[in-house]
């Protein structure tokens, strides 16, 4: 497995109605690197957002969808999604505030 730094693990946050409603329960959703595991995701969140403590991490792998263009067939990029649950005494993630 490649050596992944913590700033390469989290790609971008997912902002949908469902993910915004989960924020009241201190659950945040991110697209992460497909090579990252749960321990690396936990460390990346705690380093990128000071004052946060991660309670649990749930991950989901999504394969690319099949797409056709004339006679050739290909796939879109695969992705990995992580739901990070923070502890009750941890600080909220500031980038989600005010949304």
Protein backbone atom coordinates (compact mmCIF):
# COMPACT_ATOMS: atom_id res chain seq x y z
CA UNK A 1 0.00 0.00 0.00
CA UNK A 2 1.22 3.47 -0.83
CA UNK A 3 2.39 5.89 1.84
CA UNK A 4 -0.58 8.27 2.20
CA UNK A 5 -0.21 11.52 4.15
CA UNK A 6 -3.11 12.77 6.27
CA UNK A 7 -3.87 15.67 3.90
CA UNK A 8 -4.26 13.21 1.00
CA UNK A 9 -6.83 11.08 2.82
CA UNK A 10 -9.80 13.48 2.95
CA UNK A 11 -10.74 14.69 -0.52
CA UNK A 12 -13.89 16.77 0.07
CA UNK A 13 -16.93 16.98 2.33
CA UNK A 14 -20.32 15.72 1.19
CA UNK A 15 -23.04 18.33 1.64
CA UNK A 16 -26.51 16.89 1.14
CA UNK A 17 -29.77 17.12 3.09
CA UNK A 18 -29.16 13.79 4.77
CA UNK A 19 -25.57 14.60 5.74
CA UNK A 20 -26.64 17.99 7.09
CA UNK A 21 -29.31 16.37 9.28
CA UNK A 22 -26.71 13.93 10.65
CA UNK A 23 -24.55 16.85 11.83
CA UNK A 24 -26.83 17.32 14.86
CA UNK A 25 -25.68 13.84 15.96
CA UNK A 26 -22.02 14.85 15.38
CA UNK A 27 -21.70 12.71 12.25
CA UNK A 28 -19.81 14.18 9.29
CA UNK A 29 -19.53 12.73 5.78
CA UNK A 30 -16.47 12.94 3.49
CA UNK A 31 -15.20 11.52 0.23
CA UNK A 32 -11.87 9.89 1.07
CA UNK A 33 -9.02 8.22 -0.80
CA UNK A 34 -9.89 4.72 -2.00
CA UNK A 35 -6.65 3.39 -0.49
CA UNK A 36 -7.26 4.83 3.00
CA UNK A 37 -8.36 2.63 5.87
CA UNK A 38 -10.39 3.57 8.95
CA UNK A 39 -7.34 4.27 11.12
CA UNK A 40 -5.88 6.68 8.55
CA UNK A 41 -9.25 8.45 8.21
CA UNK A 42 -9.49 8.83 12.00
CA UNK A 43 -5.96 10.31 12.21
CA UNK A 44 -6.57 12.65 9.26
CA UNK A 45 -9.74 14.13 10.79
CA UNK A 46 -8.09 14.62 14.18
CA UNK A 47 -5.04 16.33 12.60
CA UNK A 48 -6.91 18.50 10.07
CA UNK A 49 -9.52 19.74 12.56
CA UNK A 50 -7.87 20.46 15.95
CA UNK A 51 -10.00 19.77 19.01
CA UNK A 52 -11.94 16.91 17.46
CA UNK A 53 -11.95 13.37 18.80
CA UNK A 54 -13.27 10.60 16.56
CA UNK A 55 -15.49 7.96 18.14
CA UNK A 56 -16.06 5.72 15.09
CA UNK A 57 -15.60 5.63 11.32
CA UNK A 58 -17.88 3.87 8.84
CA UNK A 59 -16.75 3.48 5.22
CA UNK A 60 -18.51 2.59 1.98
CA UNK A 61 -16.87 1.65 -1.31
CA UNK A 62 -18.59 2.58 -4.56
CA UNK A 63 -17.52 0.99 -7.83
CA UNK A 64 -17.56 3.09 -10.99
CA UNK A 65 -20.70 3.07 -13.12
CA UNK A 66 -20.59 1.50 -16.55
CA UNK A 67 -20.73 4.10 -19.34
CA UNK A 68 -20.90 3.65 -23.11
CA UNK A 69 -19.76 5.98 -25.82
CA UNK A 70 -20.40 4.64 -29.30
CA UNK A 71 -18.55 1.33 -29.56
CA UNK A 72 -16.36 1.62 -26.48
CA UNK A 73 -17.35 0.78 -22.93
CA UNK A 74 -15.74 2.28 -19.84
CA UNK A 75 -16.32 2.97 -16.19
CA UNK A 76 -16.49 6.18 -14.15
CA UNK A 77 -14.06 6.61 -11.27
CA UNK A 78 -14.59 4.54 -8.13
CA UNK A 79 -14.97 6.37 -4.82
CA UNK A 80 -15.00 5.80 -1.10
CA UNK A 81 -17.25 7.56 1.38
CA UNK A 82 -16.66 7.83 5.13
CA UNK A 83 -19.06 8.80 7.91
CA UNK A 84 -17.10 10.07 10.90
CA UNK A 85 -18.82 10.10 14.29
CA UNK A 86 -17.26 12.47 16.85
CA UNK A 87 -17.38 12.04 20.62
CA UNK A 88 -19.76 14.12 22.71
CA UNK A 89 -17.00 16.22 24.31
CA UNK A 90 -15.19 17.00 21.04
CA UNK A 91 -15.35 20.27 19.17
CA UNK A 92 -17.51 20.60 16.02
CA UNK A 93 -15.88 20.85 12.60
CA UNK A 94 -15.88 24.55 11.67
CA UNK A 95 -16.16 24.23 7.92
CA UNK A 96 -19.73 22.94 8.31
CA UNK A 97 -20.87 25.80 10.55
CA UNK A 98 -23.20 28.37 8.99
CA UNK A 99 -24.53 26.07 6.28
